[in-house]
Amino acid sequence: MTRTSRRPVEPLAYSVAETAAALGVSQDSVRRLIREGELPTIALIGRCVIPIRAIEAYLDRAEFRQVVAPPTGATAGGGEARR
């Protein structure tokens, strides 16, 4: 008898906690996005899950901002650093 090796199954949806971890935000932020209708959910056997497609669509709609680091020696207030 030969054994077939099983490939890992990729998830089709994430829990709120998994979505938060994947996006690098808090669970409260994910819940706010759900409340505001930005992330749709599916009720699945008593659980609320967010489809991966919905997360990808949200990211596609998101506004991308370029973050530029301040010059070396500059402080957050825009003045020069003290020595």
PDB file of N, CA and C in Angstrom:
ATOM      1  N   MET A   1       0.835  -1.173   0.000  1.00  0.00           N
ATOM      2  CA  MET A   1       0.000   0.000   0.000  1.00  0.00           C
ATOM      3  C   MET A   1       0.888   1.246   0.000  1.00  0.00           C
ATOM      4  N   THR A   2       0.611   2.152  -0.879  1.00  0.00           N
ATOM      5  CA  THR A   2       1.392   3.393  -0.880  1.00  0.00           C
ATOM      6  C   THR A   2       0.601   4.482  -0.172  1.00  0.00           C
ATOM      7  N   ARG A   3       1.338   5.327   0.453  1.00  0.00           N
ATOM      8  CA  ARG A   3       0.728   6.441   1.177  1.00  0.00           C
ATOM      9  C   ARG A   3       0.883   7.712   0.376  1.00  0.00           C
ATOM     10  N   THR A   4      -0.188   8.423   0.225  1.00  0.00           N
ATOM     11  CA  THR A   4      -0.078   9.703  -0.470  1.00  0.00           C
ATOM     12  C   THR A   4       0.202  10.778   0.561  1.00  0.00           C
ATOM     13  N   SER A   5       1.138  11.641   0.221  1.00  0.00           N
ATOM     14  CA  SER A   5       1.433  12.718   1.164  1.00  0.00           C
ATOM     15  C   SER A   5       0.395  13.810   0.990  1.00  0.00           C
ATOM     16  N   ARG A   6      -0.050  14.317   2.089  1.00  0.00           N
ATOM     17  CA  ARG A   6      -1.066  15.368   2.060  1.00  0.00           C
ATOM     18  C   ARG A   6      -0.392  16.724   2.066  1.00  0.00           C
ATOM     19  N   ARG A   7      -0.878  17.579   1.189  1.00  0.00           N
ATOM     20  CA  ARG A   7      -0.389  18.950   1.175  1.00  0.00           C
ATOM     21  C   ARG A   7      -1.140  19.736   2.241  1.00  0.00           C
ATOM     22  N   PRO A   8      -0.463  20.700   2.844  1.00  0.00           N
ATOM     23  CA  PRO A   8      -1.178  21.526   3.820  1.00  0.00           C
ATOM     24  C   PRO A   8      -2.338  22.249   3.151  1.00  0.00           C
ATOM     25  N   VAL A   9      -3.439  22.350   3.837  1.00  0.00           N
ATOM     26  CA  VAL A   9      -4.618  23.012   3.314  1.00  0.00           C
ATOM     27  C   VAL A   9      -4.519  24.500   3.650  1.00  0.00           C
ATOM     28  N   GLU A  10      -4.631  25.337   2.633  1.00  0.00           N
ATOM     29  CA  GLU A  10      -4.618  26.783   2.837  1.00  0.00           C
ATOM     30  C   GLU A  10      -5.990  27.203   3.351  1.00  0.00           C
ATOM     31  N   PRO A  11      -6.029  28.060   4.367  1.00  0.00           N
ATOM     32  CA  PRO A  11      -7.335  28.481   4.873  1.00  0.00           C
ATOM     33  C   PRO A  11      -8.089  29.329   3.855  1.00  0.00           C
ATOM     34  N   LEU A  12      -9.395  29.227   3.872  1.00  0.00           N
ATOM     35  CA  LEU A  12     -10.248  30.044   3.011  1.00  0.00           C
ATOM     36  C   LEU A  12     -10.788  31.248   3.759  1.00  0.00           C
ATOM     37  N   ALA A  13     -10.721  31.176   5.096  1.00  0.00           N
ATOM     38  CA  ALA A  13     -11.210  32.266   5.935  1.00  0.00           C
ATOM     39  C   ALA A  13     -10.416  32.281   7.234  1.00  0.00           C
ATOM     40  N   TYR A  14     -10.388  33.453   7.863  1.00  0.00           N
ATOM     41  CA  TYR A  14      -9.694  33.627   9.138  1.00  0.00           C
ATOM     42  C   TYR A  14     -10.681  34.056  10.219  1.00  0.00           C
ATOM     43  N   SER A  15     -10.337  33.744  11.451  1.00  0.00           N
ATOM     44  CA  SER A  15     -11.077  34.282  12.593  1.00  0.00           C
ATOM     45  C   SER A  15     -10.702  35.753  12.757  1.00  0.00           C
ATOM     46  N   VAL A  16     -11.379  36.438  13.664  1.00  0.00           N
ATOM     47  CA  VAL A  16     -11.042  37.844  13.941  1.00  0.00           C
ATOM     48  C   VAL A  16      -9.592  37.935  14.410  1.00  0.00           C
ATOM     49  N   ALA A  17      -9.187  37.048  15.310  1.00  0.00           N
ATOM     50  CA  ALA A  17      -7.821  37.067  15.836  1.00  0.00           C
ATOM     51  C   ALA A  17      -6.792  36.812  14.729  1.00  0.00           C
ATOM     52  N   GLU A  18      -7.072  35.839  13.864  1.00  0.00           N
ATOM     53  CA  GLU A  18      -6.147  35.533  12.765  1.00  0.00           C
ATOM     54  C   GLU A  18      -6.069  36.684  11.770  1.00  0.00           C
ATOM     55  N   THR A  19      -7.207  37.319  11.498  1.00  0.00           N
ATOM     56  CA  THR A  19      -7.232  38.469  10.587  1.00  0.00           C
ATOM     57  C   THR A  19      -6.406  39.611  11.167  1.00  0.00           C
ATOM     58  N   ALA A  20      -6.578  39.861  12.460  1.00  0.00           N
ATOM     59  CA  ALA A  20      -5.811  40.918  13.118  1.00  0.00           C
ATOM     60  C   ALA A  20      -4.315  40.640  13.018  1.00  0.00           C
ATOM     61  N   ALA A  21      -3.918  39.402  13.268  1.00  0.00           N
ATOM     62  CA  ALA A  21      -2.499  39.046  13.191  1.00  0.00           C
ATOM     63  C   ALA A  21      -1.977  39.192  11.763  1.00  0.00           C
ATOM     64  N   ALA A  22      -2.769  38.772  10.791  1.00  0.00           N
ATOM     65  CA  ALA A  22      -2.338  38.852   9.392  1.00  0.00           C
ATOM     66  C   ALA A  22      -2.183  40.298   8.935  1.00  0.00           C
ATOM     67  N   LEU A  23      -3.051  41.189   9.435  1.00  0.00           N
ATOM     68  CA  LEU A  23      -2.995  42.593   9.032  1.00  0.00           C
ATOM     69  C   LEU A  23      -2.086  43.427   9.928  1.00  0.00           C
ATOM     70  N   GLY A  24      -1.672  42.859  11.060  1.00  0.00           N
ATOM     71  CA  GLY A  24      -0.810  43.597  11.981  1.00  0.00           C
ATOM     72  C   GLY A  24      -1.550  44.682  12.740  1.00  0.00           C
ATOM     73  N   VAL A  25      -2.830  44.432  13.033  1.00  0.00           N
ATOM     74  CA  VAL A  25      -3.646  45.394  13.771  1.00  0.00           C
ATOM     75  C   VAL A  25      -4.293  44.676  14.952  1.00  0.00           C
ATOM     76  N   SER A  26      -4.996  45.427  15.786  1.00  0.00           N
ATOM     77  CA  SER A  26      -5.653  44.827  16.946  1.00  0.00           C
ATOM     78  C   SER A  26      -6.964  44.150  16.531  1.00  0.00           C
ATOM     79  N   GLN A  27      -7.433  43.258  17.393  1.00  0.00           N
ATOM     80  CA  GLN A  27      -8.725  42.619  17.154  1.00  0.00           C
ATOM     81  C   GLN A  27      -9.850  43.654  17.169  1.00  0.00           C
ATOM     82  N   ASP A  28      -9.705  44.671  18.030  1.00  0.00           N
ATOM     83  CA  ASP A  28     -10.714  45.735  18.065  1.00  0.00           C
ATOM     84  C   ASP A  28     -10.784  46.462  16.726  1.00  0.00           C
ATOM     85  N   SER A  29      -9.634  46.668  16.085  1.00  0.00           N
ATOM     86  CA  SER A  29      -9.622  47.325  14.773  1.00  0.00           C
ATOM     87  C   SER A  29     -10.354  46.475  13.737  1.00  0.00           C
ATOM     88  N   VAL A  30     -10.145  45.172  13.781  1.00  0.00           N
ATOM     89  CA  VAL A  30     -10.835  44.270  12.846  1.00  0.00           C
ATOM     90  C   VAL A  30     -12.334  44.306  13.111  1.00  0.00           C
ATOM     91  N   ARG A  31     -12.716  44.276  14.394  1.00  0.00           N
ATOM     92  CA  ARG A  31     -14.152  44.341  14.718  1.00  0.00           C
ATOM     93  C   ARG A  31     -14.763  45.658  14.236  1.00  0.00           C
ATOM     94  N   ARG A  32     -14.014  46.759  14.332  1.00  0.00           N
ATOM     95  CA  ARG A  32     -14.511  48.050  13.844  1.00  0.00           C
ATOM     96  C   ARG A  32     -14.720  47.998  12.330  1.00  0.00           C
ATOM     97  N   LEU A  33     -13.773  47.400  11.607  1.00  0.00           N
ATOM     98  CA  LEU A  33     -13.917  47.263  10.152  1.00  0.00           C
ATOM     99  C   LEU A  33     -15.142  46.418   9.798  1.00  0.00           C
ATOM    100  N   ILE A  34     -15.416  45.410  10.600  1.00  0.00           N
ATOM    101  CA  ILE A  34     -16.600  44.568  10.380  1.00  0.00           C
ATOM    102  C   ILE A  34     -17.865  45.390  10.626  1.00  0.00           C
ATOM    103  N   ARG A  35     -17.907  46.112  11.755  1.00  0.00           N
ATOM    104  CA  ARG A  35     -19.081  46.945  12.082  1.00  0.00           C
ATOM    105  C   ARG A  35     -19.351  47.982  11.011  1.00  0.00           C
ATOM    106  N   GLU A  36     -18.269  48.582  10.464  1.00  0.00           N
ATOM    107  CA  GLU A  36     -18.403  49.632   9.456  1.00  0.00           C
ATOM    108  C   GLU A  36     -18.674  49.074   8.061  1.00  0.00           C
ATOM    109  N   GLY A  37     -18.729  47.748   7.942  1.00  0.00           N
ATOM    110  CA  GLY A  37     -19.037  47.128   6.653  1.00  0.00           C
ATOM    111  C   GLY A  37     -17.842  47.027   5.715  1.00  0.00           C
ATOM    112  N   GLU A  38     -16.653  47.302   6.219  1.00  0.00           N
ATOM    113  CA  GLU A  38     -15.444  47.229   5.389  1.00  0.00           C
ATOM    114  C   GLU A  38     -14.979  45.786   5.185  1.00  0.00           C
ATOM    115  N   LEU A  39     -15.227  44.934   6.168  1.00  0.00           N
ATOM    116  CA  LEU A  39     -14.861  43.513   6.074  1.00  0.00           C
ATOM    117  C   LEU A  39     -16.116  42.675   6.298  1.00  0.00           C
ATOM    118  N   PRO A  40     -16.594  42.007   5.259  1.00  0.00           N
ATOM    119  CA  PRO A  40     -17.767  41.140   5.447  1.00  0.00           C
ATOM    120  C   PRO A  40     -17.378  39.864   6.186  1.00  0.00           C
ATOM    121  N   THR A  41     -18.324  39.304   6.883  1.00  0.00           N
ATOM    122  CA  THR A  41     -18.090  38.059   7.617  1.00  0.00           C
ATOM    123  C   THR A  41     -19.079  36.994   7.159  1.00  0.00           C
ATOM    124  N   ILE A  42     -18.756  35.773   7.509  1.00  0.00           N
ATOM    125  CA  ILE A  42     -19.629  34.634   7.238  1.00  0.00           C
ATOM    126  C   ILE A  42     -19.839  33.911   8.565  1.00  0.00           C
ATOM    127  N   ALA A  43     -21.089  33.582   8.880  1.00  0.00           N
ATOM    128  CA  ALA A  43     -21.379  32.771  10.059  1.00  0.00           C
ATOM    129  C   ALA A  43     -21.164  31.312   9.657  1.00  0.00           C
ATOM    130  N   LEU A  44     -20.235  30.674  10.307  1.00  0.00           N
ATOM    131  CA  LEU A  44     -19.872  29.306   9.945  1.00  0.00           C
ATOM    132  C   LEU A  44     -19.837  28.442  11.200  1.00  0.00           C
ATOM    133  N   ILE A  45     -20.834  27.612  11.346  1.00  0.00           N
ATOM    134  CA  ILE A  45     -20.937  26.693  12.481  1.00  0.00           C
ATOM    135  C   ILE A  45     -20.711  27.436  13.803  1.00  0.00           C
ATOM    136  N   GLY A  46     -21.436  28.502  13.990  1.00  0.00           N
ATOM    137  CA  GLY A  46     -21.345  29.239  15.242  1.00  0.00           C
ATOM    138  C   GLY A  46     -20.153  30.169  15.362  1.00  0.00           C
ATOM    139  N   ARG A  47     -19.358  30.294  14.316  1.00  0.00           N
ATOM    140  CA  ARG A  47     -18.190  31.174  14.332  1.00  0.00           C
ATOM    141  C   ARG A  47     -18.360  32.261  13.296  1.00  0.00           C
ATOM    142  N   CYS A  48     -17.782  33.391  13.584  1.00  0.00           N
ATOM    143  CA  CYS A  48     -17.751  34.500  12.628  1.00  0.00           C
ATOM    144  C   CYS A  48     -16.370  34.477  11.982  1.00  0.00           C
ATOM    145  N   VAL A  49     -16.315  34.272  10.665  1.00  0.00           N
ATOM    146  CA  VAL A  49     -15.024  34.234   9.972  1.00  0.00           C
ATOM    147  C   VAL A  49     -15.021  35.250   8.832  1.00  0.00           C
ATOM    148  N   ILE A  50     -13.822  35.681   8.489  1.00  0.00           N
ATOM    149  CA  ILE A  50     -13.643  36.653   7.412  1.00  0.00           C
ATOM    150  C   ILE A  50     -12.967  35.922   6.253  1.00  0.00           C
ATOM    151  N   PRO A  51     -13.641  35.848   5.103  1.00  0.00           N
ATOM    152  CA  PRO A  51     -13.038  35.159   3.958  1.00  0.00           C
ATOM    153  C   PRO A  51     -11.733  35.849   3.522  1.00  0.00           C
ATOM    154  N   ILE A  52     -10.756  35.054   3.135  1.00  0.00           N
ATOM    155  CA  ILE A  52      -9.480  35.589   2.650  1.00  0.00           C
ATOM    156  C   ILE A  52      -9.732  36.540   1.484  1.00  0.00           C
ATOM    157  N   ARG A  53     -10.658  36.191   0.606  1.00  0.00           N
ATOM    158  CA  ARG A  53     -10.981  37.066  -0.547  1.00  0.00           C
ATOM    159  C   ARG A  53     -11.423  38.442  -0.080  1.00  0.00           C
ATOM    160  N   ALA A  54     -12.184  38.499   1.025  1.00  0.00           N
ATOM    161  CA  ALA A  54     -12.659  39.781   1.549  1.00  0.00           C
ATOM    162  C   ALA A  54     -11.497  40.612   2.090  1.00  0.00           C
ATOM    163  N   ILE A  55     -10.551  39.947   2.734  1.00  0.00           N
ATOM    164  CA  ILE A  55      -9.371  40.653   3.259  1.00  0.00           C
ATOM    165  C   ILE A  55      -8.547  41.200   2.095  1.00  0.00           C
ATOM    166  N   GLU A  56      -8.358  40.386   1.073  1.00  0.00           N
ATOM    167  CA  GLU A  56      -7.594  40.828  -0.104  1.00  0.00           C
ATOM    168  C   GLU A  56      -8.295  41.987  -0.801  1.00  0.00           C
ATOM    169  N   ALA A  57      -9.632  41.919  -0.921  1.00  0.00           N
ATOM    170  CA  ALA A  57     -10.396  43.005  -1.558  1.00  0.00           C
ATOM    171  C   ALA A  57     -10.275  44.289  -0.741  1.00  0.00           C
ATOM    172  N   TYR A  58     -10.313  44.165   0.586  1.00  0.00           N
ATOM    173  CA  TYR A  58     -10.160  45.341   1.444  1.00  0.00           C
ATOM    174  C   TYR A  58      -8.793  45.982   1.211  1.00  0.00           C
ATOM    175  N   LEU A  59      -7.763  45.162   1.146  1.00  0.00           N
ATOM    176  CA  LEU A  59      -6.417  45.695   0.918  1.00  0.00           C
ATOM    177  C   LEU A  59      -6.295  46.326  -0.463  1.00  0.00           C
ATOM    178  N   ASP A  60      -6.962  45.765  -1.450  1.00  0.00           N
ATOM    179  CA  ASP A  60      -6.945  46.352  -2.795  1.00  0.00           C
ATOM    180  C   ASP A  60      -7.593  47.736  -2.806  1.00  0.00           C
ATOM    181  N   ARG A  61      -8.629  47.918  -1.970  1.00  0.00           N
ATOM    182  CA  ARG A  61      -9.326  49.208  -1.903  1.00  0.00           C
ATOM    183  C   ARG A  61      -8.596  50.219  -1.023  1.00  0.00           C
ATOM    184  N   ALA A  62      -7.719  49.729  -0.156  1.00  0.00           N
ATOM    185  CA  ALA A  62      -7.053  50.602   0.820  1.00  0.00           C
ATOM    186  C   ALA A  62      -6.185  51.642   0.121  1.00  0.00           C
ATOM    187  N   GLU A  63      -6.095  52.777   0.746  1.00  0.00           N
ATOM    188  CA  GLU A  63      -5.254  53.857   0.228  1.00  0.00           C
ATOM    189  C   GLU A  63      -3.822  53.590   0.671  1.00  0.00           C
ATOM    190  N   PHE A  64      -2.931  53.541  -0.274  1.00  0.00           N
ATOM    191  CA  PHE A  64      -1.532  53.312   0.054  1.00  0.00           C
ATOM    192  C   PHE A  64      -0.854  54.639   0.305  1.00  0.00           C
ATOM    193  N   ARG A  65      -0.094  54.711   1.380  1.00  0.00           N
ATOM    194  CA  ARG A  65       0.647  55.920   1.712  1.00  0.00           C
ATOM    195  C   ARG A  65       2.110  55.575   1.807  1.00  0.00           C
ATOM    196  N   GLN A  66       2.931  56.439   1.240  1.00  0.00           N
ATOM    197  CA  GLN A  66       4.361  56.230   1.332  1.00  0.00           C
ATOM    198  C   GLN A  66       4.832  56.837   2.646  1.00  0.00           C
ATOM    199  N   VAL A  67       5.511  56.047   3.436  1.00  0.00           N
ATOM    200  CA  VAL A  67       6.028  56.520   4.705  1.00  0.00           C
ATOM    201  C   VAL A  67       7.492  56.868   4.501  1.00  0.00           C
ATOM    202  N   VAL A  68       7.829  58.102   4.810  1.00  0.00           N
ATOM    203  CA  VAL A  68       9.196  58.558   4.645  1.00  0.00           C
ATOM    204  C   VAL A  68       9.782  58.803   6.017  1.00  0.00           C
ATOM    205  N   ALA A  69      10.907  58.202   6.275  1.00  0.00           N
ATOM    206  CA  ALA A  69      11.567  58.382   7.570  1.00  0.00           C
ATOM    207  C   ALA A  69      12.157  59.785   7.644  1.00  0.00           C
ATOM    208  N   PRO A  70      12.113  60.393   8.842  1.00  0.00           N
ATOM    209  CA  PRO A  70      12.712  61.722   8.987  1.00  0.00           C
ATOM    210  C   PRO A  70      14.220  61.636   8.786  1.00  0.00           C
ATOM    211  N   PRO A  71      14.847  62.724   8.368  1.00  0.00           N
ATOM    212  CA  PRO A  71      16.297  62.717   8.188  1.00  0.00           C
ATOM    213  C   PRO A  71      17.006  62.376   9.495  1.00  0.00           C
ATOM    214  N   THR A  72      18.151  61.785   9.390  1.00  0.00           N
ATOM    215  CA  THR A  72      18.935  61.430  10.572  1.00  0.00           C
ATOM    216  C   THR A  72      19.230  62.685  11.374  1.00  0.00           C
ATOM    217  N   GLY A  73      19.015  62.611  12.685  1.00  0.00           N
ATOM    218  CA  GLY A  73      19.283  63.750  13.552  1.00  0.00           C
ATOM    219  C   GLY A  73      18.075  64.631  13.774  1.00  0.00           C
ATOM    220  N   ALA A  74      17.021  64.458  13.015  1.00  0.00           N
ATOM    221  CA  ALA A  74      15.820  65.268  13.200  1.00  0.00           C
ATOM    222  C   ALA A  74      14.969  64.666  14.300  1.00  0.00           C
ATOM    223  N   THR A  75      14.237  65.506  15.004  1.00  0.00           N
ATOM    224  CA  THR A  75      13.337  65.029  16.045  1.00  0.00           C
ATOM    225  C   THR A  75      11.924  65.012  15.507  1.00  0.00           C
ATOM    226  N   ALA A  76      11.038  64.420  16.265  1.00  0.00           N
ATOM    227  CA  ALA A  76       9.647  64.307  15.830  1.00  0.00           C
ATOM    228  C   ALA A  76       8.996  65.677  15.655  1.00  0.00           C
ATOM    229  N   GLY A  77       9.440  66.670  16.404  1.00  0.00           N
ATOM    230  CA  GLY A  77       8.847  67.989  16.336  1.00  0.00           C
ATOM    231  C   GLY A  77       9.391  68.818  15.178  1.00  0.00           C
ATOM    232  N   GLY A  78      10.309  68.279  14.427  1.00  0.00           N
ATOM    233  CA  GLY A  78      10.857  68.992  13.274  1.00  0.00           C
ATOM    234  C   GLY A  78      12.109  69.776  13.584  1.00  0.00           C
ATOM    235  N   GLY A  79      12.456  69.913  14.849  1.00  0.00           N
ATOM    236  CA  GLY A  79      13.678  70.640  15.212  1.00  0.00           C
ATOM    237  C   GLY A  79      14.881  69.729  15.136  1.00  0.00           C
ATOM    238  N   GLU A  80      16.017  70.284  15.427  1.00  0.00           N
ATOM    239  CA  GLU A  80      17.235  69.463  15.406  1.00  0.00           C
ATOM    240  C   GLU A  80      17.401  68.770  16.747  1.00  0.00           C
ATOM    241  N   ALA A  81      18.052  67.654  16.706  1.00  0.00           N
ATOM    242  CA  ALA A  81      18.282  66.892  17.913  1.00  0.00           C
ATOM    243  C   ALA A  81      19.294  67.620  18.794  1.00  0.00           C
ATOM    244  N   ARG A  82      19.085  67.534  20.117  1.00  0.00           N
ATOM    245  CA  ARG A  82      20.039  68.136  21.059  1.00  0.00           C
ATOM    246  C   ARG A  82      21.197  67.222  21.267  1.00  0.00           C
ATOM    247  N   ARG A  83      22.341  67.802  21.553  1.00  0.00           N
ATOM    248  CA  ARG A  83      23.535  66.983  21.821  1.00  0.00           C
ATOM    249  C   ARG A  83      24.037  67.209  23.192  1.00  0.00           C
TER     250      ARG A  83
END
